[in-house]
Amino acid sequence: YNPKRGKMAITVHQAQEIPSVDRGGASHTQVRVLLLPSKKQKFKTKVKSGQNPIYQESFILNKIPPEEVHSMGIRIRLYGVERMRRERMIGESIIGFASLNLDSASTHFIILEPRSNLSGGDSQFDVSSLSRSDSASSTQSMQHGGMPELLLGLGYNGTTGRLTVEEIGRASC
């Protein structure tokens, strides 16, 4: 992110373990990126084939003022693109810029929610839920018992059957 120019560069590197067509996936895929909440800047990769396609495509998001960057984010969707058929969304994820360190370039692996877990229609961008951590429950548990606490982020992909566990932080009394 370049705050002086109000620009952010995003590179889509690759997708991994895309389910086969008979498991709700696709043999040809495309990644689409949308700037939120405005939804005015949209980008899409070239269509690639295989279960682990490599995209290596970069996009520049413009008009991202420093005073508003933490209330913005992107939606990433993976679409199955087959000949003579409609495109079908396989999964999506929304990333709020408030959850990222924008001072330096970084690479993030993103778990996409399977299509079956989505609540139909366009997902609503909720800035408040993206920019705050669930510190209320953490504070409450610290007050009751004073035990050290390990904060974990969990993500389950029903299509691939993969559970991702990420350490978010540690708290102690």
Protein backbone atom coordinates (compact mmCIF):
# COMPACT_ATOMS: atom_id res chain seq x y z
CA TYR A 1 0.00 0.00 0.00
CA ASN A 2 1.30 3.43 -0.97
CA PRO A 3 -0.51 6.02 1.16
CA LYS A 4 1.01 9.02 -0.70
CA ARG A 5 -0.48 7.82 -3.98
CA GLY A 6 -3.54 6.15 -2.50
CA LYS A 7 -2.76 2.92 -4.36
CA MET A 8 -2.53 -0.71 -3.33
CA ALA A 9 -0.97 -3.52 -5.34
CA ILE A 10 -2.47 -7.00 -5.02
CA THR A 11 -1.02 -10.12 -6.58
CA VAL A 12 -2.98 -13.35 -6.97
CA HIS A 13 -0.32 -16.06 -6.87
CA GLN A 14 -2.08 -19.42 -6.95
CA ALA A 15 -4.92 -21.60 -5.76
CA GLN A 16 -4.41 -24.97 -4.10
CA GLU A 17 -6.44 -28.15 -3.86
CA ILE A 18 -9.40 -27.09 -5.95
CA PRO A 19 -11.94 -29.90 -5.72
CA SER A 20 -12.68 -31.91 -8.84
CA VAL A 21 -15.84 -31.22 -10.85
CA ASP A 22 -17.67 -34.19 -9.27
CA ARG A 23 -16.92 -32.75 -5.79
CA GLY A 24 -18.32 -29.28 -6.57
CA GLY A 25 -15.12 -27.79 -7.98
CA ALA A 26 -14.01 -27.15 -11.53
CA SER A 27 -11.27 -28.04 -13.98
CA HIS A 28 -10.90 -24.41 -15.14
CA THR A 29 -10.94 -21.52 -12.66
CA GLN A 30 -10.69 -17.77 -12.42
CA VAL A 31 -10.10 -15.49 -9.41
CA ARG A 32 -12.07 -12.25 -9.09
CA VAL A 33 -11.14 -9.40 -6.78
CA LEU A 34 -13.54 -6.62 -5.78
CA LEU A 35 -12.76 -3.51 -3.70
CA LEU A 36 -15.22 -3.04 -0.84
CA PRO A 37 -17.38 -1.29 0.17
CA SER A 38 -17.57 0.76 -3.07
CA LYS A 39 -17.60 -2.29 -5.41
CA LYS A 40 -16.38 0.02 -8.19
CA GLN A 41 -12.98 -1.56 -8.80
CA LYS A 42 -13.13 -5.12 -10.11
CA PHE A 43 -10.39 -7.35 -11.44
CA LYS A 44 -10.20 -10.91 -12.71
CA THR A 45 -7.40 -13.28 -13.57
CA LYS A 46 -7.05 -15.26 -16.74
CA VAL A 47 -8.74 -18.66 -16.70
CA LYS A 48 -6.36 -21.41 -15.57
CA SER A 49 -6.75 -25.17 -15.42
CA GLY A 50 -5.84 -27.84 -12.88
CA GLN A 51 -6.26 -28.45 -9.16
CA ASN A 52 -3.36 -26.12 -8.24
CA PRO A 53 -3.40 -23.33 -10.85
CA ILE A 54 -0.73 -20.62 -10.78
CA TYR A 55 -2.06 -17.18 -11.72
CA GLN A 56 0.77 -14.73 -10.86
CA GLU A 57 -1.31 -11.68 -11.84
CA SER A 58 -1.10 -8.27 -10.19
CA PHE A 59 -3.75 -5.58 -9.91
CA ILE A 60 -3.59 -1.96 -8.73
CA LEU A 61 -6.40 -0.59 -6.57
CA ASN A 62 -6.67 3.21 -6.90
CA LYS A 63 -8.22 5.99 -4.82
CA ILE A 64 -7.61 4.45 -1.39
CA PRO A 65 -7.04 7.43 0.92
CA PRO A 66 -5.02 6.78 4.10
CA GLU A 67 -7.83 8.05 6.32
CA GLU A 68 -10.26 5.50 4.84
CA VAL A 69 -8.03 2.49 4.15
CA HIS A 70 -8.89 0.73 7.43
CA SER A 71 -12.60 0.84 6.63
CA MET A 72 -12.05 -0.84 3.26
CA GLY A 73 -11.28 -4.36 2.12
CA ILE A 74 -11.45 -6.80 -0.77
CA ARG A 75 -13.65 -9.72 -1.66
CA ILE A 76 -11.91 -12.61 -3.39
CA ARG A 77 -13.98 -15.19 -5.23
CA LEU A 78 -12.95 -18.32 -7.09
CA TYR A 79 -15.15 -19.23 -10.03
CA GLY A 80 -15.35 -22.44 -12.01
CA VAL A 81 -15.37 -21.61 -15.72
CA GLU A 82 -16.38 -24.44 -18.02
CA ARG A 83 -17.19 -24.35 -21.73
CA MET A 84 -20.83 -24.11 -22.69
CA ARG A 85 -21.84 -23.69 -19.04
CA ARG A 86 -22.46 -20.78 -16.78
CA GLU A 87 -19.69 -19.73 -14.46
CA ARG A 88 -20.14 -21.07 -10.96
CA MET A 89 -18.74 -19.63 -7.75
CA ILE A 90 -16.71 -22.21 -5.82
CA GLY A 91 -15.78 -20.10 -2.79
CA GLU A 92 -15.10 -16.63 -1.43
CA SER A 93 -13.34 -14.71 1.30
CA ILE A 94 -13.48 -11.11 2.48
CA ILE A 95 -10.38 -9.43 3.86
CA GLY A 96 -10.55 -6.12 5.71
CA PHE A 97 -7.49 -3.93 5.31
CA ALA A 98 -7.67 -3.15 9.05
CA SER A 99 -6.58 -6.75 9.71
CA LEU A 100 -3.41 -6.38 7.61
CA ASN A 101 -0.07 -4.68 8.20
CA LEU A 102 -0.05 -2.24 5.29
CA ASP A 103 3.43 -0.87 6.05
CA SER A 104 5.18 -3.64 4.14
CA ALA A 105 4.44 -6.21 1.47
CA SER A 106 3.18 -9.53 2.79
CA THR A 107 1.82 -12.80 1.48
CA HIS A 108 -1.35 -14.34 2.90
CA PHE A 109 -2.91 -17.74 2.32
CA ILE A 110 -6.67 -17.30 2.30
CA ILE A 111 -9.16 -20.06 2.98
CA LEU A 112 -12.21 -19.61 0.80
CA GLU A 113 -15.59 -20.46 2.24
CA PRO A 114 -17.23 -23.16 0.11
CA ARG A 115 -20.16 -22.15 -2.02
CA SER A 116 -22.50 -24.32 0.06
CA ASN A 117 -21.69 -22.29 3.20
CA LEU A 118 -22.63 -18.97 1.63
CA SER A 119 -25.94 -17.36 2.40
CA GLY A 120 -27.09 -16.72 -1.18
CA GLY A 121 -26.75 -13.40 -2.93
CA ASP A 122 -24.05 -10.84 -2.48
CA SER A 123 -22.33 -11.02 0.86
CA GLN A 124 -22.61 -7.78 2.81
CA PHE A 125 -19.35 -6.06 3.69
CA ASP A 126 -19.36 -5.50 7.44
CA VAL A 127 -16.45 -3.24 8.32
CA SER A 128 -17.08 -3.35 12.06
CA SER A 129 -16.81 -7.14 12.22
CA LEU A 130 -13.61 -7.13 10.19
CA SER A 131 -11.79 -4.42 12.12
CA ARG A 132 -12.44 -5.59 15.67
CA SER A 133 -11.25 -8.72 17.34
CA ASP A 134 -13.46 -10.64 19.68
CA SER A 135 -11.74 -9.15 22.70
CA ALA A 136 -14.87 -9.09 24.88
CA SER A 137 -14.85 -12.85 25.41
CA SER A 138 -11.09 -12.79 25.85
CA THR A 139 -11.29 -10.09 28.52
CA GLN A 140 -14.12 -11.91 30.25
CA SER A 141 -12.20 -15.19 30.45
CA MET A 142 -9.14 -13.34 31.77
CA GLN A 143 -11.22 -11.87 34.59
CA HIS A 144 -12.61 -15.28 35.55
CA GLY A 145 -9.74 -17.47 36.54
CA GLY A 146 -6.65 -15.55 35.45
CA MET A 147 -5.31 -18.42 33.32
CA PRO A 148 -3.09 -17.69 30.32
CA GLU A 149 -4.98 -17.85 27.07
CA LEU A 150 -4.05 -18.79 23.52
CA LEU A 151 -6.17 -17.07 20.87
CA LEU A 152 -6.80 -19.22 17.80
CA GLY A 153 -8.45 -18.62 14.47
CA LEU A 154 -10.19 -21.63 12.96
CA GLY A 155 -11.30 -22.15 9.37
CA TYR A 156 -12.97 -25.25 7.99
CA ASN A 157 -13.37 -25.94 4.29
CA GLY A 158 -16.24 -28.41 3.87
CA THR A 159 -15.42 -29.04 0.23
CA THR A 160 -11.86 -30.20 0.85
CA GLY A 161 -12.40 -31.33 4.44
CA ARG A 162 -9.48 -29.19 5.58
CA LEU A 163 -9.34 -27.48 8.98
CA THR A 164 -6.95 -24.54 9.29
CA VAL A 165 -5.76 -23.44 12.73
CA GLU A 166 -3.90 -20.15 13.13
CA GLU A 167 -2.43 -18.66 16.30
CA ILE A 168 -3.68 -15.09 16.59
CA GLY A 169 -2.02 -14.19 19.85
CA ARG A 170 -1.29 -15.04 23.44
CA ALA A 171 -2.68 -13.39 26.53
CA SER A 172 -1.49 -13.87 30.07
CA CYS A 173 -2.17 -12.43 33.51
